[in-house]
Amino acid sequence: VEYPAPFKIIFPSALLSLMVIVFLTDIVRSRTQVKLRESIAELHDSNKKLEAFAFVDPLTGAYNRRALVSHFGDINKEDSYGLSIAMLDLDFFKKVNDTYGHFIGDLVLKHLVLLTKSVIPPGAQLYRWGGEEFLLVLKTSDDGEKRRILEEIRMAMENTPLITEAGE
């Protein structure tokens, strides 16, 4: 079959144009997928940072009240059986701030958090409740175990003094 001359030019040109369009579309699709994956990764990182801002006390690095509610919901419900909550409070903390200043007071709070985190068992969480008050949530209801953990925290604080650059 003999095709007319214009057809012999138009058909190969159209076919070549279609191939170029398919090739360019594939490039755009690939780049779009890469950008989409990058955007999703950035969004995931941003969400992690926002969660840290929302759930972590910026001074001490301990979880805050918002995190407690997020992690455990209403801890007064019956389904919380097996959890124990202890309140940690630094005696005479106001005197520390009044005598040495808030900078030293902040160091004391950070020191408490680091020591507490170093002795609590896996699964336990420390939450800053406010000021110098912290909640410790333990995944045990055994009285002996609770006492042992709390005594370890007390001993760690007693035996690990905070010494500042001023030597105090």
N, C-alpha and C. Protein backbone atom coordinates (compact mmCIF):
# COMPACT_ATOMS: atom_id res chain seq x y z
N VAL A 1 0.85 -1.17 0.00
CA VAL A 1 0.00 0.00 0.00
C VAL A 1 0.89 1.23 0.00
N GLU A 2 0.61 2.09 -0.87
CA GLU A 2 1.37 3.34 -1.01
C GLU A 2 0.59 4.44 -0.31
N TYR A 3 1.27 5.11 0.66
CA TYR A 3 0.64 6.22 1.41
C TYR A 3 0.99 7.53 0.74
N PRO A 4 0.07 8.49 0.86
CA PRO A 4 0.35 9.80 0.27
C PRO A 4 1.54 10.46 0.97
N ALA A 5 2.24 11.33 0.31
CA ALA A 5 3.45 11.98 0.81
C ALA A 5 3.21 12.70 2.13
N PRO A 6 2.13 13.49 2.30
CA PRO A 6 1.95 14.17 3.59
C PRO A 6 1.83 13.17 4.74
N PHE A 7 1.19 12.03 4.51
CA PHE A 7 1.03 11.02 5.54
C PHE A 7 2.37 10.45 5.93
N LYS A 8 3.27 10.27 4.94
CA LYS A 8 4.59 9.72 5.21
C LYS A 8 5.40 10.67 6.10
N ILE A 9 5.07 11.93 6.11
CA ILE A 9 5.79 12.90 6.96
C ILE A 9 5.06 13.06 8.30
N ILE A 10 3.75 13.18 8.27
CA ILE A 10 2.97 13.44 9.47
C ILE A 10 3.00 12.25 10.43
N PHE A 11 2.81 11.04 9.95
CA PHE A 11 2.75 9.88 10.82
C PHE A 11 4.04 9.67 11.60
N PRO A 12 5.22 9.64 10.97
CA PRO A 12 6.46 9.48 11.76
C PRO A 12 6.68 10.66 12.72
N SER A 13 6.30 11.86 12.29
CA SER A 13 6.46 13.04 13.17
C SER A 13 5.55 12.91 14.39
N ALA A 14 4.33 12.48 14.16
CA ALA A 14 3.38 12.31 15.26
C ALA A 14 3.86 11.21 16.19
N LEU A 15 4.35 10.11 15.63
CA LEU A 15 4.87 9.01 16.44
C LEU A 15 6.07 9.46 17.26
N LEU A 16 6.98 10.21 16.65
CA LEU A 16 8.15 10.73 17.35
C LEU A 16 7.70 11.69 18.46
N SER A 17 6.74 12.56 18.18
CA SER A 17 6.21 13.50 19.18
C SER A 17 5.59 12.75 20.34
N LEU A 18 4.85 11.71 20.06
CA LEU A 18 4.23 10.90 21.10
C LEU A 18 5.30 10.24 21.97
N MET A 19 6.34 9.73 21.35
CA MET A 19 7.43 9.10 22.11
C MET A 19 8.13 10.12 23.01
N VAL A 20 8.35 11.32 22.50
CA VAL A 20 8.97 12.39 23.29
C VAL A 20 8.07 12.76 24.47
N ILE A 21 6.77 12.86 24.22
CA ILE A 21 5.82 13.20 25.28
C ILE A 21 5.82 12.12 26.37
N VAL A 22 5.80 10.85 25.97
CA VAL A 22 5.84 9.74 26.93
C VAL A 22 7.14 9.79 27.73
N PHE A 23 8.25 10.03 27.05
CA PHE A 23 9.55 10.11 27.72
C PHE A 23 9.57 11.25 28.74
N LEU A 24 9.12 12.44 28.32
CA LEU A 24 9.10 13.60 29.22
C LEU A 24 8.13 13.40 30.38
N THR A 25 6.99 12.78 30.10
CA THR A 25 6.02 12.49 31.16
C THR A 25 6.63 11.55 32.20
N ASP A 26 7.38 10.56 31.74
CA ASP A 26 8.03 9.62 32.65
C ASP A 26 9.06 10.33 33.53
N ILE A 27 9.82 11.26 32.93
CA ILE A 27 10.80 12.03 33.70
C ILE A 27 10.09 12.87 34.76
N VAL A 28 9.03 13.57 34.36
CA VAL A 28 8.29 14.41 35.30
C VAL A 28 7.69 13.54 36.42
N ARG A 29 7.13 12.38 36.06
CA ARG A 29 6.56 11.48 37.06
C ARG A 29 7.62 11.01 38.04
N SER A 30 8.78 10.63 37.55
CA SER A 30 9.87 10.17 38.43
C SER A 30 10.31 11.27 39.38
N ARG A 31 10.50 12.47 38.83
CA ARG A 31 10.93 13.58 39.68
C ARG A 31 9.85 13.94 40.70
N THR A 32 8.59 13.86 40.28
CA THR A 32 7.49 14.16 41.20
C THR A 32 7.45 13.14 42.33
N GLN A 33 7.67 11.88 42.02
CA GLN A 33 7.68 10.85 43.05
C GLN A 33 8.83 11.07 44.04
N VAL A 34 10.00 11.44 43.53
CA VAL A 34 11.14 11.72 44.40
C VAL A 34 10.81 12.90 45.31
N LYS A 35 10.27 13.97 44.73
CA LYS A 35 9.90 15.16 45.53
C LYS A 35 8.83 14.80 46.55
N LEU A 36 7.88 13.97 46.16
CA LEU A 36 6.82 13.55 47.07
C LEU A 36 7.41 12.76 48.24
N ARG A 37 8.32 11.82 47.95
CA ARG A 37 8.97 11.06 49.03
C ARG A 37 9.74 11.98 49.95
N GLU A 38 10.45 12.97 49.37
CA GLU A 38 11.20 13.93 50.18
C GLU A 38 10.25 14.76 51.04
N SER A 39 9.13 15.17 50.47
CA SER A 39 8.16 15.96 51.22
C SER A 39 7.55 15.16 52.36
N ILE A 40 7.27 13.89 52.11
CA ILE A 40 6.72 13.03 53.16
C ILE A 40 7.75 12.86 54.28
N ALA A 41 9.01 12.67 53.93
CA ALA A 41 10.05 12.54 54.94
C ALA A 41 10.19 13.82 55.76
N GLU A 42 10.14 14.97 55.08
CA GLU A 42 10.21 16.26 55.79
C GLU A 42 9.00 16.43 56.72
N LEU A 43 7.83 16.05 56.25
CA LEU A 43 6.62 16.14 57.06
C LEU A 43 6.74 15.24 58.29
N HIS A 44 7.26 14.04 58.09
CA HIS A 44 7.46 13.11 59.21
C HIS A 44 8.43 13.72 60.23
N ASP A 45 9.54 14.30 59.77
CA ASP A 45 10.50 14.94 60.67
C ASP A 45 9.86 16.12 61.41
N SER A 46 9.09 16.91 60.69
CA SER A 46 8.42 18.05 61.31
C SER A 46 7.44 17.60 62.37
N ASN A 47 6.70 16.53 62.09
CA ASN A 47 5.76 16.00 63.09
C ASN A 47 6.49 15.52 64.34
N LYS A 48 7.64 14.87 64.15
CA LYS A 48 8.43 14.42 65.30
C LYS A 48 8.87 15.61 66.14
N LYS A 49 9.32 16.68 65.48
CA LYS A 49 9.76 17.88 66.20
C LYS A 49 8.60 18.52 66.94
N LEU A 50 7.44 18.60 66.28
CA LEU A 50 6.26 19.18 66.92
C LEU A 50 5.85 18.35 68.13
N GLU A 51 5.92 17.03 68.00
CA GLU A 51 5.59 16.16 69.12
C GLU A 51 6.55 16.40 70.28
N ALA A 52 7.82 16.56 69.97
CA ALA A 52 8.80 16.84 71.02
C ALA A 52 8.48 18.17 71.70
N PHE A 53 8.14 19.19 70.91
CA PHE A 53 7.78 20.48 71.50
C PHE A 53 6.54 20.34 72.38
N ALA A 54 5.58 19.55 71.94
CA ALA A 54 4.33 19.43 72.66
C ALA A 54 4.43 18.53 73.89
N PHE A 55 5.29 17.51 73.86
CA PHE A 55 5.30 16.49 74.90
C PHE A 55 6.53 16.47 75.79
N VAL A 56 7.53 17.29 75.49
CA VAL A 56 8.77 17.24 76.28
C VAL A 56 9.01 18.60 76.92
N ASP A 57 9.30 18.57 78.22
CA ASP A 57 9.64 19.79 78.93
C ASP A 57 10.97 20.31 78.39
N PRO A 58 11.01 21.54 77.89
CA PRO A 58 12.24 22.03 77.25
C PRO A 58 13.42 22.18 78.20
N LEU A 59 13.16 22.42 79.46
CA LEU A 59 14.26 22.60 80.41
C LEU A 59 14.91 21.29 80.79
N THR A 60 14.10 20.32 81.20
CA THR A 60 14.64 19.09 81.78
C THR A 60 14.74 17.94 80.80
N GLY A 61 13.96 17.98 79.73
CA GLY A 61 13.93 16.85 78.80
C GLY A 61 13.01 15.74 79.26
N ALA A 62 12.33 15.93 80.40
CA ALA A 62 11.34 14.95 80.86
C ALA A 62 10.04 15.18 80.10
N TYR A 63 9.23 14.13 80.00
CA TYR A 63 7.91 14.32 79.42
C TYR A 63 7.11 15.30 80.28
N ASN A 64 6.07 15.91 79.71
CA ASN A 64 5.23 16.84 80.45
C ASN A 64 3.83 16.26 80.65
N ARG A 65 2.94 17.05 81.22
CA ARG A 65 1.57 16.59 81.49
C ARG A 65 0.85 16.15 80.22
N ARG A 66 1.03 16.90 79.14
CA ARG A 66 0.39 16.55 77.86
C ARG A 66 0.78 15.15 77.43
N ALA A 67 2.05 14.83 77.61
CA ALA A 67 2.53 13.50 77.22
C ALA A 67 1.89 12.42 78.09
N LEU A 68 1.74 12.70 79.38
CA LEU A 68 1.12 11.74 80.29
C LEU A 68 -0.28 11.37 79.82
N VAL A 69 -1.07 12.38 79.49
CA VAL A 69 -2.43 12.13 79.01
C VAL A 69 -2.40 11.40 77.67
N SER A 70 -1.48 11.78 76.80
CA SER A 70 -1.37 11.13 75.50
C SER A 70 -0.96 9.66 75.63
N HIS A 71 -0.02 9.39 76.53
CA HIS A 71 0.48 8.03 76.68
C HIS A 71 -0.49 7.10 77.40
N PHE A 72 -1.19 7.64 78.42
CA PHE A 72 -2.00 6.77 79.27
C PHE A 72 -3.48 7.13 79.29
N GLY A 73 -3.86 8.24 78.72
CA GLY A 73 -5.26 8.65 78.78
C GLY A 73 -5.63 8.98 80.20
N ASP A 74 -6.84 8.63 80.58
CA ASP A 74 -7.33 8.89 81.94
C ASP A 74 -6.78 7.79 82.84
N ILE A 75 -5.75 8.13 83.61
CA ILE A 75 -5.09 7.10 84.42
C ILE A 75 -5.91 6.71 85.65
N ASN A 76 -7.06 7.32 85.83
CA ASN A 76 -7.93 6.95 86.95
C ASN A 76 -8.90 5.82 86.59
N LYS A 77 -8.93 5.43 85.34
CA LYS A 77 -9.83 4.36 84.90
C LYS A 77 -9.36 3.02 85.44
N GLU A 78 -10.29 2.06 85.53
CA GLU A 78 -9.96 0.74 86.06
C GLU A 78 -8.97 -0.01 85.19
N ASP A 79 -8.94 0.27 83.87
CA ASP A 79 -8.03 -0.47 82.99
C ASP A 79 -6.58 -0.06 83.18
N SER A 80 -6.30 0.87 84.09
CA SER A 80 -4.92 1.25 84.36
C SER A 80 -4.30 0.37 85.43
N TYR A 81 -4.99 -0.69 85.82
CA TYR A 81 -4.46 -1.61 86.83
C TYR A 81 -3.09 -2.12 86.37
N GLY A 82 -2.16 -2.15 87.29
CA GLY A 82 -0.81 -2.59 86.95
C GLY A 82 0.14 -1.42 86.81
N LEU A 83 -0.39 -0.20 86.83
CA LEU A 83 0.45 0.99 86.80
C LEU A 83 0.52 1.57 88.20
N SER A 84 1.67 2.12 88.51
CA SER A 84 1.84 2.83 89.77
C SER A 84 2.36 4.22 89.46
N ILE A 85 1.91 5.17 90.22
CA ILE A 85 2.34 6.56 90.01
C ILE A 85 2.94 7.07 91.30
N ALA A 86 4.11 7.66 91.18
CA ALA A 86 4.77 8.26 92.34
C ALA A 86 5.05 9.72 92.02
N MET A 87 4.87 10.56 93.01
CA MET A 87 5.18 11.98 92.87
C MET A 87 6.56 12.21 93.45
N LEU A 88 7.45 12.79 92.64
CA LEU A 88 8.78 13.16 93.11
C LEU A 88 8.79 14.67 93.29
N ASP A 89 9.24 15.11 94.43
CA ASP A 89 9.23 16.53 94.74
C ASP A 89 10.53 16.87 95.46
N LEU A 90 11.19 17.93 95.02
CA LEU A 90 12.43 18.34 95.66
C LEU A 90 12.11 19.23 96.87
N ASP A 91 12.49 18.77 98.05
CA ASP A 91 12.26 19.56 99.26
C ASP A 91 13.09 20.83 99.22
N PHE A 92 12.51 21.93 99.66
CA PHE A 92 13.18 23.21 99.81
C PHE A 92 13.76 23.74 98.49
N PHE A 93 13.13 23.40 97.38
CA PHE A 93 13.65 23.84 96.09
C PHE A 93 13.60 25.36 95.95
N LYS A 94 12.58 25.99 96.51
CA LYS A 94 12.50 27.45 96.46
C LYS A 94 13.73 28.08 97.10
N LYS A 95 14.21 27.46 98.17
CA LYS A 95 15.41 27.97 98.85
C LYS A 95 16.63 27.89 97.92
N VAL A 96 16.71 26.84 97.11
CA VAL A 96 17.82 26.71 96.15
C VAL A 96 17.76 27.87 95.16
N ASN A 97 16.59 28.10 94.59
CA ASN A 97 16.43 29.21 93.63
C ASN A 97 16.73 30.56 94.29
N ASP A 98 16.23 30.75 95.51
CA ASP A 98 16.43 32.03 96.20
C ASP A 98 17.89 32.24 96.58
N THR A 99 18.58 31.18 96.96
CA THR A 99 19.96 31.30 97.41
C THR A 99 20.95 31.35 96.26
N TYR A 100 20.78 30.45 95.28
CA TYR A 100 21.78 30.29 94.22
C TYR A 100 21.33 30.84 92.86
N GLY A 101 20.06 31.15 92.73
CA GLY A 101 19.54 31.66 91.47
C GLY A 101 18.88 30.59 90.63
N HIS A 102 18.11 31.03 89.66
CA HIS A 102 17.34 30.10 88.82
C HIS A 102 18.24 29.26 87.91
N PHE A 103 19.38 29.78 87.53
CA PHE A 103 20.29 28.99 86.69
C PHE A 103 20.69 27.71 87.42
N ILE A 104 21.08 27.84 88.68
CA ILE A 104 21.46 26.66 89.48
C ILE A 104 20.24 25.79 89.73
N GLY A 105 19.10 26.43 89.99
CA GLY A 105 17.86 25.66 90.17
C GLY A 105 17.55 24.81 88.94
N ASP A 106 17.73 25.40 87.75
CA ASP A 106 17.52 24.63 86.51
C ASP A 106 18.49 23.46 86.42
N LEU A 107 19.74 23.68 86.82
CA LEU A 107 20.72 22.58 86.80
C LEU A 107 20.30 21.46 87.75
N VAL A 108 19.75 21.82 88.89
CA VAL A 108 19.28 20.82 89.86
C VAL A 108 18.16 19.99 89.24
N LEU A 109 17.22 20.65 88.57
CA LEU A 109 16.11 19.92 87.93
C LEU A 109 16.63 18.97 86.85
N LYS A 110 17.54 19.44 86.03
CA LYS A 110 18.12 18.59 84.98
C LYS A 110 18.85 17.40 85.61
N HIS A 111 19.57 17.67 86.69
CA HIS A 111 20.32 16.64 87.42
C HIS A 111 19.35 15.56 87.93
N LEU A 112 18.24 15.99 88.52
CA LEU A 112 17.23 15.05 89.02
C LEU A 112 16.72 14.16 87.89
N VAL A 113 16.41 14.76 86.75
CA VAL A 113 15.87 13.99 85.63
C VAL A 113 16.90 12.97 85.13
N LEU A 114 18.14 13.40 84.94
CA LEU A 114 19.18 12.48 84.46
C LEU A 114 19.39 11.32 85.43
N LEU A 115 19.47 11.61 86.72
CA LEU A 115 19.66 10.55 87.70
C LEU A 115 18.47 9.60 87.73
N THR A 116 17.28 10.17 87.70
CA THR A 116 16.07 9.33 87.76
C THR A 116 16.00 8.43 86.53
N LYS A 117 16.23 8.99 85.35
CA LYS A 117 16.19 8.19 84.13
C LYS A 117 17.25 7.09 84.14
N SER A 118 18.35 7.32 84.85
CA SER A 118 19.43 6.32 84.86
C SER A 118 19.10 5.11 85.74
N VAL A 119 18.14 5.25 86.66
CA VAL A 119 17.85 4.13 87.57
C VAL A 119 16.47 3.51 87.38
N ILE A 120 15.57 4.18 86.67
CA ILE A 120 14.23 3.59 86.51
C ILE A 120 14.28 2.44 85.50
N PRO A 121 13.41 1.46 85.67
CA PRO A 121 13.42 0.30 84.76
C PRO A 121 12.85 0.64 83.39
N PRO A 122 13.16 -0.18 82.40
CA PRO A 122 12.56 0.03 81.07
C PRO A 122 11.04 0.04 81.17
N GLY A 123 10.43 0.90 80.41
CA GLY A 123 8.97 1.00 80.43
C GLY A 123 8.45 2.04 81.39
N ALA A 124 9.25 2.41 82.39
CA ALA A 124 8.84 3.48 83.31
C ALA A 124 9.05 4.81 82.60
N GLN A 125 8.24 5.79 82.95
CA GLN A 125 8.34 7.11 82.33
C GLN A 125 8.30 8.17 83.40
N LEU A 126 9.07 9.24 83.15
CA LEU A 126 9.12 10.38 84.05
C LEU A 126 8.47 11.57 83.37
N TYR A 127 7.58 12.26 84.07
CA TYR A 127 6.85 13.40 83.53
C TYR A 127 7.03 14.60 84.45
N ARG A 128 7.34 15.75 83.88
CA ARG A 128 7.39 16.95 84.71
C ARG A 128 5.97 17.42 84.93
N TRP A 129 5.58 17.51 86.18
CA TRP A 129 4.23 17.90 86.53
C TRP A 129 4.14 19.41 86.66
N GLY A 130 5.18 20.02 87.18
CA GLY A 130 5.22 21.46 87.32
C GLY A 130 6.27 21.84 88.35
N GLY A 131 6.93 22.96 88.14
CA GLY A 131 7.95 23.41 89.09
C GLY A 131 8.98 22.33 89.33
N GLU A 132 9.08 21.89 90.59
CA GLU A 132 10.04 20.84 90.95
C GLU A 132 9.33 19.51 91.19
N GLU A 133 8.12 19.38 90.68
CA GLU A 133 7.34 18.16 90.87
C GLU A 133 7.35 17.32 89.60
N PHE A 134 7.58 16.04 89.78
CA PHE A 134 7.62 15.09 88.67
C PHE A 134 6.75 13.90 89.02
N LEU A 135 6.12 13.33 88.01
CA LEU A 135 5.38 12.08 88.19
C LEU A 135 6.20 10.96 87.57
N LEU A 136 6.29 9.87 88.29
CA LEU A 136 6.95 8.68 87.79
C LEU A 136 5.88 7.62 87.60
N VAL A 137 5.75 7.13 86.38
CA VAL A 137 4.77 6.08 86.09
C VAL A 137 5.54 4.78 85.91
N LEU A 138 5.21 3.82 86.77
CA LEU A 138 5.87 2.51 86.76
C LEU A 138 4.88 1.46 86.29
N LYS A 139 5.36 0.52 85.53
CA LYS A 139 4.49 -0.57 85.05
C LYS A 139 4.57 -1.74 86.02
N THR A 140 4.21 -1.45 87.26
CA THR A 140 4.15 -2.49 88.28
C THR A 140 3.17 -2.06 89.35
N SER A 141 2.55 -3.02 89.99
CA SER A 141 1.71 -2.71 91.15
C SER A 141 2.28 -3.40 92.38
N ASP A 142 3.45 -4.01 92.25
CA ASP A 142 4.10 -4.68 93.37
C ASP A 142 4.71 -3.65 94.33
N ASP A 143 4.23 -3.63 95.56
CA ASP A 143 4.68 -2.64 96.54
C ASP A 143 6.18 -2.71 96.79
N GLY A 144 6.73 -3.91 96.89
CA GLY A 144 8.17 -4.06 97.12
C GLY A 144 8.99 -3.49 95.97
N GLU A 145 8.56 -3.75 94.78
CA GLU A 145 9.26 -3.24 93.59
C GLU A 145 9.19 -1.72 93.55
N LYS A 146 8.01 -1.16 93.84
CA LYS A 146 7.87 0.30 93.85
C LYS A 146 8.81 0.92 94.88
N ARG A 147 8.83 0.36 96.07
CA ARG A 147 9.70 0.90 97.13
C ARG A 147 11.16 0.82 96.73
N ARG A 148 11.55 -0.29 96.12
CA ARG A 148 12.94 -0.47 95.71
C ARG A 148 13.35 0.59 94.68
N ILE A 149 12.51 0.82 93.70
CA ILE A 149 12.80 1.80 92.65
C ILE A 149 12.89 3.21 93.25
N LEU A 150 11.93 3.56 94.09
CA LEU A 150 11.94 4.89 94.69
C LEU A 150 13.14 5.08 95.61
N GLU A 151 13.53 4.04 96.31
CA GLU A 151 14.72 4.14 97.16
C GLU A 151 15.99 4.31 96.31
N GLU A 152 16.04 3.63 95.16
CA GLU A 152 17.18 3.81 94.25
C GLU A 152 17.28 5.26 93.77
N ILE A 153 16.14 5.85 93.46
CA ILE A 153 16.14 7.25 93.04
C ILE A 153 16.63 8.14 94.17
N ARG A 154 16.10 7.92 95.37
CA ARG A 154 16.50 8.73 96.53
C ARG A 154 17.99 8.59 96.79
N MET A 155 18.50 7.36 96.75
CA MET A 155 19.93 7.12 97.01
C MET A 155 20.79 7.75 95.91
N ALA A 156 20.34 7.69 94.68
CA ALA A 156 21.10 8.29 93.58
C ALA A 156 21.21 9.79 93.79
N MET A 157 20.12 10.42 94.21
CA MET A 157 20.15 11.87 94.48
C MET A 157 21.05 12.17 95.67
N GLU A 158 20.96 11.36 96.69
CA GLU A 158 21.77 11.59 97.89
C GLU A 158 23.26 11.38 97.64
N ASN A 159 23.59 10.41 96.82
CA ASN A 159 24.99 10.03 96.61
C ASN A 159 25.64 10.68 95.39
N THR A 160 24.89 11.47 94.65
CA THR A 160 25.44 12.12 93.47
C THR A 160 25.19 13.62 93.56
N PRO A 161 26.04 14.31 94.29
CA PRO A 161 25.81 15.76 94.44
C PRO A 161 26.05 16.49 93.13
N LEU A 162 25.33 17.56 92.97
CA LEU A 162 25.51 18.42 91.82
C LEU A 162 26.56 19.46 92.18
N ILE A 163 27.67 19.45 91.45
CA ILE A 163 28.73 20.42 91.70
C ILE A 163 28.80 21.33 90.50
N THR A 164 28.66 22.62 90.74
CA THR A 164 28.68 23.60 89.67
C THR A 164 30.12 24.01 89.40
N GLU A 165 30.28 24.81 88.35
CA GLU A 165 31.61 25.33 88.00
C GLU A 165 32.18 26.15 89.14
N ALA A 166 31.33 26.75 89.96
CA ALA A 166 31.79 27.55 91.09
C ALA A 166 32.24 26.66 92.25
N GLY A 167 32.09 25.35 92.10
CA GLY A 167 32.51 24.41 93.13
C GLY A 167 31.49 24.23 94.24
N GLU A 168 30.29 24.71 94.07
CA GLU A 168 29.25 24.58 95.10
C GLU A 168 28.36 23.40 94.82
